[in-house]
mmCIF file of all heavy atoms, coordinates in Angstrom:
data_MODEL
# 
_entry.id   MODEL 
# 
loop_
_atom_site.group_PDB 
_atom_site.id 
_atom_site.type_symbol 
_atom_site.label_atom_id 
_atom_site.label_alt_id 
_atom_site.label_comp_id 
_atom_site.label_asym_id 
_atom_site.label_entity_id 
_atom_site.label_seq_id 
_atom_site.pdbx_PDB_ins_code 
_atom_site.Cartn_x 
_atom_site.Cartn_y 
_atom_site.Cartn_z 
_atom_site.occupancy 
_atom_site.B_iso_or_equiv 
_atom_site.pdbx_formal_charge 
_atom_site.auth_seq_id 
_atom_site.auth_comp_id 
_atom_site.auth_asym_id 
_atom_site.auth_atom_id 
_atom_site.pdbx_PDB_model_num 
ATOM 1   N N   . GLN A 1 1  ? 6.348  2.702  7.390   1.00 0.00 ? 1  GLN A N   1 
ATOM 2   C CA  . GLN A 1 1  ? 7.671  2.452  7.060   1.00 0.00 ? 1  GLN A CA  1 
ATOM 3   C C   . GLN A 1 1  ? 8.290  3.610  6.219   1.00 0.00 ? 1  GLN A C   1 
ATOM 4   O O   . GLN A 1 1  ? 7.582  4.229  5.405   1.00 0.00 ? 1  GLN A O   1 
ATOM 5   C CB  . GLN A 1 1  ? 7.825  1.167  6.279   1.00 0.00 ? 1  GLN A CB  1 
ATOM 6   C CG  . GLN A 1 1  ? 7.798  -0.115 7.055   1.00 0.00 ? 1  GLN A CG  1 
ATOM 7   C CD  . GLN A 1 1  ? 8.172  -1.270 6.266   1.00 0.00 ? 1  GLN A CD  1 
ATOM 8   O OE1 . GLN A 1 1  ? 7.691  -1.437 5.131   1.00 0.00 ? 1  GLN A OE1 1 
ATOM 9   N NE2 . GLN A 1 1  ? 8.977  -2.199 6.718   1.00 0.00 ? 1  GLN A NE2 1 
ATOM 10  N N   . LEU A 1 2  ? 9.563  3.855  6.438   1.00 0.00 ? 2  LEU A N   1 
ATOM 11  C CA  . LEU A 1 2  ? 10.355 4.721  5.497   1.00 0.00 ? 2  LEU A CA  1 
ATOM 12  C C   . LEU A 1 2  ? 11.423 3.901  4.905   1.00 0.00 ? 2  LEU A C   1 
ATOM 13  O O   . LEU A 1 2  ? 12.210 3.194  5.588   1.00 0.00 ? 2  LEU A O   1 
ATOM 14  C CB  . LEU A 1 2  ? 10.970 5.847  6.342   1.00 0.00 ? 2  LEU A CB  1 
ATOM 15  C CG  . LEU A 1 2  ? 10.081 6.862  6.927   1.00 0.00 ? 2  LEU A CG  1 
ATOM 16  C CD1 . LEU A 1 2  ? 10.866 7.842  7.821   1.00 0.00 ? 2  LEU A CD1 1 
ATOM 17  C CD2 . LEU A 1 2  ? 9.406  7.676  5.801   1.00 0.00 ? 2  LEU A CD2 1 
ATOM 18  N N   . VAL A 1 3  ? 11.527 3.920  3.552   1.00 0.00 ? 3  VAL A N   1 
ATOM 19  C CA  . VAL A 1 3  ? 12.501 3.122  2.834   1.00 0.00 ? 3  VAL A CA  1 
ATOM 20  C C   . VAL A 1 3  ? 13.309 4.022  1.902   1.00 0.00 ? 3  VAL A C   1 
ATOM 21  O O   . VAL A 1 3  ? 12.715 4.728  1.026   1.00 0.00 ? 3  VAL A O   1 
ATOM 22  C CB  . VAL A 1 3  ? 11.769 2.099  2.026   1.00 0.00 ? 3  VAL A CB  1 
ATOM 23  C CG1 . VAL A 1 3  ? 12.808 1.223  1.225   1.00 0.00 ? 3  VAL A CG1 1 
ATOM 24  C CG2 . VAL A 1 3  ? 10.969 1.098  2.899   1.00 0.00 ? 3  VAL A CG2 1 
ATOM 25  N N   . GLU A 1 4  ? 14.607 4.011  2.198   1.00 0.00 ? 4  GLU A N   1 
ATOM 26  C CA  . GLU A 1 4  ? 15.504 4.841  1.354   1.00 0.00 ? 4  GLU A CA  1 
ATOM 27  C C   . GLU A 1 4  ? 15.932 4.073  0.155   1.00 0.00 ? 4  GLU A C   1 
ATOM 28  O O   . GLU A 1 4  ? 16.051 2.828  0.144   1.00 0.00 ? 4  GLU A O   1 
ATOM 29  C CB  . GLU A 1 4  ? 16.690 5.297  2.119   1.00 0.00 ? 4  GLU A CB  1 
ATOM 30  C CG  . GLU A 1 4  ? 16.442 6.103  3.382   1.00 0.00 ? 4  GLU A CG  1 
ATOM 31  C CD  . GLU A 1 4  ? 16.546 5.308  4.634   1.00 0.00 ? 4  GLU A CD  1 
ATOM 32  O OE1 . GLU A 1 4  ? 16.407 4.040  4.599   1.00 0.00 ? 4  GLU A OE1 1 
ATOM 33  O OE2 . GLU A 1 4  ? 16.733 5.875  5.715   1.00 0.00 ? 4  GLU A OE2 1 
ATOM 34  N N   . SER A 1 5  ? 16.369 4.788  -0.929  1.00 0.00 ? 5  SER A N   1 
ATOM 35  C CA  . SER A 1 5  ? 17.013 4.113  -2.070  1.00 0.00 ? 5  SER A CA  1 
ATOM 36  C C   . SER A 1 5  ? 17.947 5.148  -2.613  1.00 0.00 ? 5  SER A C   1 
ATOM 37  O O   . SER A 1 5  ? 17.855 6.369  -2.296  1.00 0.00 ? 5  SER A O   1 
ATOM 38  C CB  . SER A 1 5  ? 15.987 3.704  -3.112  1.00 0.00 ? 5  SER A CB  1 
ATOM 39  O OG  . SER A 1 5  ? 15.212 4.872  -3.504  1.00 0.00 ? 5  SER A OG  1 
ATOM 40  N N   . GLY A 1 6  ? 18.935 4.668  -3.425  1.00 0.00 ? 6  GLY A N   1 
ATOM 41  C CA  . GLY A 1 6  ? 19.876 5.579  -4.010  1.00 0.00 ? 6  GLY A CA  1 
ATOM 42  C C   . GLY A 1 6  ? 21.327 5.469  -3.446  1.00 0.00 ? 6  GLY A C   1 
ATOM 43  O O   . GLY A 1 6  ? 22.097 6.323  -3.759  1.00 0.00 ? 6  GLY A O   1 
ATOM 44  N N   . ARG A 1 7  ? 21.539 4.411  -2.707  1.00 0.00 ? 7  ARG A N   1 
ATOM 45  C CA  . ARG A 1 7  ? 22.915 4.232  -2.180  1.00 0.00 ? 7  ARG A CA  1 
ATOM 46  C C   . ARG A 1 7  ? 23.966 4.159  -3.296  1.00 0.00 ? 7  ARG A C   1 
ATOM 47  O O   . ARG A 1 7  ? 23.607 3.706  -4.430  1.00 0.00 ? 7  ARG A O   1 
ATOM 48  C CB  . ARG A 1 7  ? 22.960 2.998  -1.270  1.00 0.00 ? 7  ARG A CB  1 
ATOM 49  C CG  . ARG A 1 7  ? 22.814 1.734  -2.059  1.00 0.00 ? 7  ARG A CG  1 
ATOM 50  C CD  . ARG A 1 7  ? 22.795 0.534  -1.121  1.00 0.00 ? 7  ARG A CD  1 
ATOM 51  N NE  . ARG A 1 7  ? 24.064 0.450  -0.351  1.00 0.00 ? 7  ARG A NE  1 
ATOM 52  C CZ  . ARG A 1 7  ? 24.235 -0.264 0.712   1.00 0.00 ? 7  ARG A CZ  1 
ATOM 53  N NH1 . ARG A 1 7  ? 23.152 -0.731 1.313   1.00 0.00 ? 7  ARG A NH1 1 
ATOM 54  N NH2 . ARG A 1 7  ? 25.394 -0.357 1.300   1.00 0.00 ? 7  ARG A NH2 1 
ATOM 55  N N   . GLY A 1 8  ? 25.137 4.566  -3.030  1.00 0.00 ? 8  GLY A N   1 
ATOM 56  C CA  . GLY A 1 8  ? 26.128 4.439  -4.094  1.00 0.00 ? 8  GLY A CA  1 
ATOM 57  C C   . GLY A 1 8  ? 27.557 4.849  -3.667  1.00 0.00 ? 8  GLY A C   1 
ATOM 58  O O   . GLY A 1 8  ? 27.816 5.345  -2.625  1.00 0.00 ? 8  GLY A O   1 
ATOM 59  N N   . LEU A 1 9  ? 28.482 4.505  -4.590  1.00 0.00 ? 9  LEU A N   1 
ATOM 60  C CA  . LEU A 1 9  ? 29.874 4.897  -4.469  1.00 0.00 ? 9  LEU A CA  1 
ATOM 61  C C   . LEU A 1 9  ? 30.158 5.851  -5.606  1.00 0.00 ? 9  LEU A C   1 
ATOM 62  O O   . LEU A 1 9  ? 29.951 5.532  -6.790  1.00 0.00 ? 9  LEU A O   1 
ATOM 63  C CB  . LEU A 1 9  ? 30.752 3.648  -4.606  1.00 0.00 ? 9  LEU A CB  1 
ATOM 64  C CG  . LEU A 1 9  ? 32.267 3.924  -4.750  1.00 0.00 ? 9  LEU A CG  1 
ATOM 65  C CD1 . LEU A 1 9  ? 32.849 4.629  -3.554  1.00 0.00 ? 9  LEU A CD1 1 
ATOM 66  C CD2 . LEU A 1 9  ? 32.986 2.571  -5.035  1.00 0.00 ? 9  LEU A CD2 1 
ATOM 67  N N   . VAL A 1 10 ? 30.579 7.053  -5.295  1.00 0.00 ? 10 VAL A N   1 
ATOM 68  C CA  . VAL A 1 10 ? 30.860 8.083  -6.293  1.00 0.00 ? 10 VAL A CA  1 
ATOM 69  C C   . VAL A 1 10 ? 32.220 8.647  -6.055  1.00 0.00 ? 10 VAL A C   1 
ATOM 70  O O   . VAL A 1 10 ? 32.696 8.652  -4.934  1.00 0.00 ? 10 VAL A O   1 
ATOM 71  C CB  . VAL A 1 10 ? 29.767 9.161  -6.349  1.00 0.00 ? 10 VAL A CB  1 
ATOM 72  C CG1 . VAL A 1 10 ? 28.401 8.617  -6.759  1.00 0.00 ? 10 VAL A CG1 1 
ATOM 73  C CG2 . VAL A 1 10 ? 29.674 9.931  -5.067  1.00 0.00 ? 10 VAL A CG2 1 
ATOM 74  N N   . GLN A 1 11 ? 32.750 9.273  -7.080  1.00 0.00 ? 11 GLN A N   1 
ATOM 75  C CA  . GLN A 1 11 ? 34.041 9.987  -6.893  1.00 0.00 ? 11 GLN A CA  1 
ATOM 76  C C   . GLN A 1 11 ? 33.750 11.418 -6.451  1.00 0.00 ? 11 GLN A C   1 
ATOM 77  O O   . GLN A 1 11 ? 32.658 11.941 -6.609  1.00 0.00 ? 11 GLN A O   1 
ATOM 78  C CB  . GLN A 1 11 ? 34.758 10.061 -8.251  1.00 0.00 ? 11 GLN A CB  1 
ATOM 79  C CG  . GLN A 1 11 ? 35.345 8.709  -8.701  1.00 0.00 ? 11 GLN A CG  1 
ATOM 80  C CD  . GLN A 1 11 ? 36.204 8.857  -9.953  1.00 0.00 ? 11 GLN A CD  1 
ATOM 81  O OE1 . GLN A 1 11 ? 35.977 9.713  -10.795 1.00 0.00 ? 11 GLN A OE1 1 
ATOM 82  N NE2 . GLN A 1 11 ? 37.175 7.972  -9.972  1.00 0.00 ? 11 GLN A NE2 1 
ATOM 83  N N   . ALA A 1 12 ? 34.761 11.965 -5.776  1.00 0.00 ? 12 ALA A N   1 
ATOM 84  C CA  . ALA A 1 12 ? 34.629 13.375 -5.278  1.00 0.00 ? 12 ALA A CA  1 
ATOM 85  C C   . ALA A 1 12 ? 34.245 14.250 -6.517  1.00 0.00 ? 12 ALA A C   1 
ATOM 86  O O   . ALA A 1 12 ? 34.783 14.147 -7.598  1.00 0.00 ? 12 ALA A O   1 
ATOM 87  C CB  . ALA A 1 12 ? 35.923 13.810 -4.712  1.00 0.00 ? 12 ALA A CB  1 
ATOM 88  N N   . GLY A 1 13 ? 33.362 15.127 -6.254  1.00 0.00 ? 13 GLY A N   1 
ATOM 89  C CA  . GLY A 1 13 ? 32.855 16.022 -7.257  1.00 0.00 ? 13 GLY A CA  1 
ATOM 90  C C   . GLY A 1 13 ? 31.604 15.475 -7.996  1.00 0.00 ? 13 GLY A C   1 
ATOM 91  O O   . GLY A 1 13 ? 30.973 16.229 -8.746  1.00 0.00 ? 13 GLY A O   1 
ATOM 92  N N   . GLY A 1 14 ? 31.273 14.241 -7.740  1.00 0.00 ? 14 GLY A N   1 
ATOM 93  C CA  . GLY A 1 14 ? 30.104 13.639 -8.378  1.00 0.00 ? 14 GLY A CA  1 
ATOM 94  C C   . GLY A 1 14 ? 28.788 13.951 -7.676  1.00 0.00 ? 14 GLY A C   1 
ATOM 95  O O   . GLY A 1 14 ? 28.769 14.771 -6.726  1.00 0.00 ? 14 GLY A O   1 
ATOM 96  N N   . SER A 1 15 ? 27.753 13.380 -8.197  1.00 0.00 ? 15 SER A N   1 
ATOM 97  C CA  . SER A 1 15 ? 26.452 13.595 -7.649  1.00 0.00 ? 15 SER A CA  1 
ATOM 98  C C   . SER A 1 15 ? 25.677 12.317 -7.367  1.00 0.00 ? 15 SER A C   1 
ATOM 99  O O   . SER A 1 15 ? 26.039 11.325 -7.983  1.00 0.00 ? 15 SER A O   1 
ATOM 100 C CB  . SER A 1 15 ? 25.609 14.395 -8.738  1.00 0.00 ? 15 SER A CB  1 
ATOM 101 O OG  . SER A 1 15 ? 26.159 15.644 -8.933  1.00 0.00 ? 15 SER A OG  1 
ATOM 102 N N   . LEU A 1 16 ? 24.768 12.414 -6.457  1.00 0.00 ? 16 LEU A N   1 
ATOM 103 C CA  . LEU A 1 16 ? 23.948 11.236 -6.136  1.00 0.00 ? 16 LEU A CA  1 
ATOM 104 C C   . LEU A 1 16 ? 22.569 11.808 -5.660  1.00 0.00 ? 16 LEU A C   1 
ATOM 105 O O   . LEU A 1 16 ? 22.524 12.793 -5.022  1.00 0.00 ? 16 LEU A O   1 
ATOM 106 C CB  . LEU A 1 16 ? 24.631 10.403 -4.984  1.00 0.00 ? 16 LEU A CB  1 
ATOM 107 C CG  . LEU A 1 16 ? 24.242 9.011  -4.782  1.00 0.00 ? 16 LEU A CG  1 
ATOM 108 C CD1 . LEU A 1 16 ? 24.489 8.162  -6.086  1.00 0.00 ? 16 LEU A CD1 1 
ATOM 109 C CD2 . LEU A 1 16 ? 24.988 8.373  -3.655  1.00 0.00 ? 16 LEU A CD2 1 
ATOM 110 N N   . ARG A 1 17 ? 21.540 11.023 -5.916  1.00 0.00 ? 17 ARG A N   1 
ATOM 111 C CA  . ARG A 1 17 ? 20.228 11.397 -5.476  1.00 0.00 ? 17 ARG A CA  1 
ATOM 112 C C   . ARG A 1 17 ? 19.680 10.256 -4.619  1.00 0.00 ? 17 ARG A C   1 
ATOM 113 O O   . ARG A 1 17 ? 19.568 9.141  -5.033  1.00 0.00 ? 17 ARG A O   1 
ATOM 114 C CB  . ARG A 1 17 ? 19.283 11.619 -6.673  1.00 0.00 ? 17 ARG A CB  1 
ATOM 115 C CG  . ARG A 1 17 ? 17.941 12.184 -6.211  1.00 0.00 ? 17 ARG A CG  1 
ATOM 116 C CD  . ARG A 1 17 ? 17.003 12.224 -7.374  1.00 0.00 ? 17 ARG A CD  1 
ATOM 117 N NE  . ARG A 1 17 ? 15.851 13.089 -7.172  1.00 0.00 ? 17 ARG A NE  1 
ATOM 118 C CZ  . ARG A 1 17 ? 14.576 12.850 -7.673  1.00 0.00 ? 17 ARG A CZ  1 
ATOM 119 N NH1 . ARG A 1 17 ? 14.426 11.746 -8.342  1.00 0.00 ? 17 ARG A NH1 1 
ATOM 120 N NH2 . ARG A 1 17 ? 13.621 13.674 -7.425  1.00 0.00 ? 17 ARG A NH2 1 
ATOM 121 N N   . LEU A 1 18 ? 19.219 10.677 -3.400  1.00 0.00 ? 18 LEU A N   1 
ATOM 122 C CA  . LEU A 1 18 ? 18.632 9.734  -2.458  1.00 0.00 ? 18 LEU A CA  1 
ATOM 123 C C   . LEU A 1 18 ? 17.130 10.007 -2.491  1.00 0.00 ? 18 LEU A C   1 
ATOM 124 O O   . LEU A 1 18 ? 16.681 11.112 -2.583  1.00 0.00 ? 18 LEU A O   1 
ATOM 125 C CB  . LEU A 1 18 ? 19.096 9.901  -1.044  1.00 0.00 ? 18 LEU A CB  1 
ATOM 126 C CG  . LEU A 1 18 ? 20.658 9.714  -0.823  1.00 0.00 ? 18 LEU A CG  1 
ATOM 127 C CD1 . LEU A 1 18 ? 21.030 9.896  0.627   1.00 0.00 ? 18 LEU A CD1 1 
ATOM 128 C CD2 . LEU A 1 18 ? 21.155 8.394  -1.426  1.00 0.00 ? 18 LEU A CD2 1 
ATOM 129 N N   . SER A 1 19 ? 16.365 8.817  -2.400  1.00 0.00 ? 19 SER A N   1 
ATOM 130 C CA  . SER A 1 19 ? 14.959 8.924  -2.305  1.00 0.00 ? 19 SER A CA  1 
ATOM 131 C C   . SER A 1 19 ? 14.445 8.215  -1.037  1.00 0.00 ? 19 SER A C   1 
ATOM 132 O O   . SER A 1 19 ? 15.095 7.261  -0.626  1.00 0.00 ? 19 SER A O   1 
ATOM 133 C CB  . SER A 1 19 ? 14.290 8.303  -3.519  1.00 0.00 ? 19 SER A CB  1 
ATOM 134 O OG  . SER A 1 19 ? 14.728 8.962  -4.709  1.00 0.00 ? 19 SER A OG  1 
ATOM 135 N N   . CYS A 1 20 ? 13.391 8.645  -0.515  1.00 0.00 ? 20 CYS A N   1 
ATOM 136 C CA  . CYS A 1 20 ? 12.787 7.974  0.627   1.00 0.00 ? 20 CYS A CA  1 
ATOM 137 C C   . CYS A 1 20 ? 11.224 7.927  0.462   1.00 0.00 ? 20 CYS A C   1 
ATOM 138 O O   . CYS A 1 20 ? 10.658 9.008  0.230   1.00 0.00 ? 20 CYS A O   1 
ATOM 139 C CB  . CYS A 1 20 ? 13.142 8.736  1.888   1.00 0.00 ? 20 CYS A CB  1 
ATOM 140 S SG  . CYS A 1 20 ? 12.344 8.102  3.352   1.00 0.00 ? 20 CYS A SG  1 
ATOM 141 N N   . ALA A 1 21 ? 10.681 6.761  0.574   1.00 0.00 ? 21 ALA A N   1 
ATOM 142 C CA  . ALA A 1 21 ? 9.230  6.617  0.450   1.00 0.00 ? 21 ALA A CA  1 
ATOM 143 C C   . ALA A 1 21 ? 8.654  6.203  1.721   1.00 0.00 ? 21 ALA A C   1 
ATOM 144 O O   . ALA A 1 21 ? 9.111  5.248  2.402   1.00 0.00 ? 21 ALA A O   1 
ATOM 145 C CB  . ALA A 1 21 ? 8.998  5.489  -0.675  1.00 0.00 ? 21 ALA A CB  1 
ATOM 146 N N   . ALA A 1 22 ? 7.584  6.840  2.092   1.00 0.00 ? 22 ALA A N   1 
ATOM 147 C CA  . ALA A 1 22 ? 6.850  6.454  3.273   1.00 0.00 ? 22 ALA A CA  1 
ATOM 148 C C   . ALA A 1 22 ? 5.647  5.674  2.844   1.00 0.00 ? 22 ALA A C   1 
ATOM 149 O O   . ALA A 1 22 ? 4.937  5.899  1.864   1.00 0.00 ? 22 ALA A O   1 
ATOM 150 C CB  . ALA A 1 22 ? 6.327  7.756  3.978   1.00 0.00 ? 22 ALA A CB  1 
ATOM 151 N N   . SER A 1 23 ? 5.391  4.604  3.578   1.00 0.00 ? 23 SER A N   1 
ATOM 152 C CA  . SER A 1 23 ? 4.229  3.708  3.229   1.00 0.00 ? 23 SER A CA  1 
ATOM 153 C C   . SER A 1 23 ? 3.584  3.247  4.537   1.00 0.00 ? 23 SER A C   1 
ATOM 154 O O   . SER A 1 23 ? 4.107  3.400  5.613   1.00 0.00 ? 23 SER A O   1 
ATOM 155 C CB  . SER A 1 23 ? 4.721  2.532  2.469   1.00 0.00 ? 23 SER A CB  1 
ATOM 156 O OG  . SER A 1 23 ? 5.602  1.707  3.282   1.00 0.00 ? 23 SER A OG  1 
ATOM 157 N N   . GLY A 1 24 ? 2.392  2.651  4.376   1.00 0.00 ? 24 GLY A N   1 
ATOM 158 C CA  . GLY A 1 24 ? 1.618  2.267  5.461   1.00 0.00 ? 24 GLY A CA  1 
ATOM 159 C C   . GLY A 1 24 ? 0.371  3.082  5.674   1.00 0.00 ? 24 GLY A C   1 
ATOM 160 O O   . GLY A 1 24 ? -0.002 3.849  4.770   1.00 0.00 ? 24 GLY A O   1 
ATOM 161 N N   . LEU A 1 25 ? -0.200 3.017  6.795   1.00 0.00 ? 25 LEU A N   1 
ATOM 162 C CA  . LEU A 1 25 ? -1.335 3.843  7.167   1.00 0.00 ? 25 LEU A CA  1 
ATOM 163 C C   . LEU A 1 25 ? -0.977 5.198  7.537   1.00 0.00 ? 25 LEU A C   1 
ATOM 164 O O   . LEU A 1 25 ? -0.610 5.464  8.672   1.00 0.00 ? 25 LEU A O   1 
ATOM 165 C CB  . LEU A 1 25 ? -2.191 3.137  8.250   1.00 0.00 ? 25 LEU A CB  1 
ATOM 166 C CG  . LEU A 1 25 ? -3.513 3.901  8.655   1.00 0.00 ? 25 LEU A CG  1 
ATOM 167 C CD1 . LEU A 1 25 ? -4.393 4.049  7.433   1.00 0.00 ? 25 LEU A CD1 1 
ATOM 168 C CD2 . LEU A 1 25 ? -4.202 3.188  9.827   1.00 0.00 ? 25 LEU A CD2 1 
ATOM 169 N N   . ILE A 1 26 ? -0.956 6.098  6.551   1.00 0.00 ? 26 ILE A N   1 
ATOM 170 C CA  . ILE A 1 26 ? -0.415 7.505  6.827   1.00 0.00 ? 26 ILE A CA  1 
ATOM 171 C C   . ILE A 1 26 ? -1.626 8.416  6.801   1.00 0.00 ? 26 ILE A C   1 
ATOM 172 O O   . ILE A 1 26 ? -2.359 8.591  5.906   1.00 0.00 ? 26 ILE A O   1 
ATOM 173 C CB  . ILE A 1 26 ? 0.563  7.907  5.715   1.00 0.00 ? 26 ILE A CB  1 
ATOM 174 C CG1 . ILE A 1 26 ? 1.798  6.953  5.735   1.00 0.00 ? 26 ILE A CG1 1 
ATOM 175 C CG2 . ILE A 1 26 ? 0.960  9.334  5.849   1.00 0.00 ? 26 ILE A CG2 1 
ATOM 176 C CD1 . ILE A 1 26 ? 2.688  7.077  4.618   1.00 0.00 ? 26 ILE A CD1 1 
ATOM 177 N N   . LEU A 1 27 ? -1.746 9.107  7.955   1.00 0.00 ? 27 LEU A N   1 
ATOM 178 C CA  . LEU A 1 27 ? -2.790 10.106 8.136   1.00 0.00 ? 27 LEU A CA  1 
ATOM 179 C C   . LEU A 1 27 ? -2.218 11.495 7.943   1.00 0.00 ? 27 LEU A C   1 
ATOM 180 O O   . LEU A 1 27 ? -2.945 12.399 7.323   1.00 0.00 ? 27 LEU A O   1 
ATOM 181 C CB  . LEU A 1 27 ? -3.442 10.025 9.462   1.00 0.00 ? 27 LEU A CB  1 
ATOM 182 C CG  . LEU A 1 27 ? -4.032 8.670  9.760   1.00 0.00 ? 27 LEU A CG  1 
ATOM 183 C CD1 . LEU A 1 27 ? -4.704 8.676  11.203  1.00 0.00 ? 27 LEU A CD1 1 
ATOM 184 C CD2 . LEU A 1 27 ? -5.150 8.272  8.799   1.00 0.00 ? 27 LEU A CD2 1 
ATOM 185 N N   . SER A 1 28 ? -1.026 11.705 8.332   1.00 0.00 ? 28 SER A N   1 
ATOM 186 C CA  . SER A 1 28 ? -0.328 12.987 8.140   1.00 0.00 ? 28 SER A CA  1 
ATOM 187 C C   . SER A 1 28 ? 1.178  12.876 8.173   1.00 0.00 ? 28 SER A C   1 
ATOM 188 O O   . SER A 1 28 ? 1.658  11.936 8.832   1.00 0.00 ? 28 SER A O   1 
ATOM 189 C CB  . SER A 1 28 ? -0.784 13.921 9.260   1.00 0.00 ? 28 SER A CB  1 
ATOM 190 O OG  . SER A 1 28 ? -0.312 13.584 10.483  1.00 0.00 ? 28 SER A OG  1 
ATOM 191 N N   . ILE A 1 29 ? 1.847  13.618 7.367   1.00 0.00 ? 29 ILE A N   1 
ATOM 192 C CA  . ILE A 1 29 ? 3.259  13.753 7.432   1.00 0.00 ? 29 ILE A CA  1 
ATOM 193 C C   . ILE A 1 29 ? 3.678  15.208 7.588   1.00 0.00 ? 29 ILE A C   1 
ATOM 194 O O   . ILE A 1 29 ? 3.236  16.079 6.751   1.00 0.00 ? 29 ILE A O   1 
ATOM 195 C CB  . ILE A 1 29 ? 3.921  13.165 6.133   1.00 0.00 ? 29 ILE A CB  1 
ATOM 196 C CG1 . ILE A 1 29 ? 3.512  11.777 5.910   1.00 0.00 ? 29 ILE A CG1 1 
ATOM 197 C CG2 . ILE A 1 29 ? 5.452  13.349 6.247   1.00 0.00 ? 29 ILE A CG2 1 
ATOM 198 C CD1 . ILE A 1 29 ? 4.141  11.213 4.654   1.00 0.00 ? 29 ILE A CD1 1 
ATOM 199 N N   . ASN A 1 30 ? 4.339  15.512 8.653   1.00 0.00 ? 30 ASN A N   1 
ATOM 200 C CA  . ASN A 1 30 ? 4.793  16.889 8.848   1.00 0.00 ? 30 ASN A CA  1 
ATOM 201 C C   . ASN A 1 30 ? 6.197  16.981 8.322   1.00 0.00 ? 30 ASN A C   1 
ATOM 202 O O   . ASN A 1 30 ? 6.493  16.806 7.195   1.00 0.00 ? 30 ASN A O   1 
ATOM 203 C CB  . ASN A 1 30 ? 4.605  17.239 10.293  1.00 0.00 ? 30 ASN A CB  1 
ATOM 204 C CG  . ASN A 1 30 ? 3.125  17.291 10.656  1.00 0.00 ? 30 ASN A CG  1 
ATOM 205 O OD1 . ASN A 1 30 ? 2.345  17.975 9.912   1.00 0.00 ? 30 ASN A OD1 1 
ATOM 206 N ND2 . ASN A 1 30 ? 2.762  16.665 11.734  1.00 0.00 ? 30 ASN A ND2 1 
ATOM 207 N N   . GLY A 1 31 ? 7.108  17.373 9.197   1.00 0.00 ? 31 GLY A N   1 
ATOM 208 C CA  . GLY A 1 31 ? 8.530  17.557 8.755   1.00 0.00 ? 31 GLY A CA  1 
ATOM 209 C C   . GLY A 1 31 ? 9.190  16.262 8.230   1.00 0.00 ? 31 GLY A C   1 
ATOM 210 O O   . GLY A 1 31 ? 8.936  15.190 8.752   1.00 0.00 ? 31 GLY A O   1 
# 
């Protein structure tokens, strides 16, 4: 699974950080 977090409402000029976590049986992650 890939689960994103960090959704939001911001004003123009503002900043936001999104994160994404991979979970499960992971043998390799490329791009």
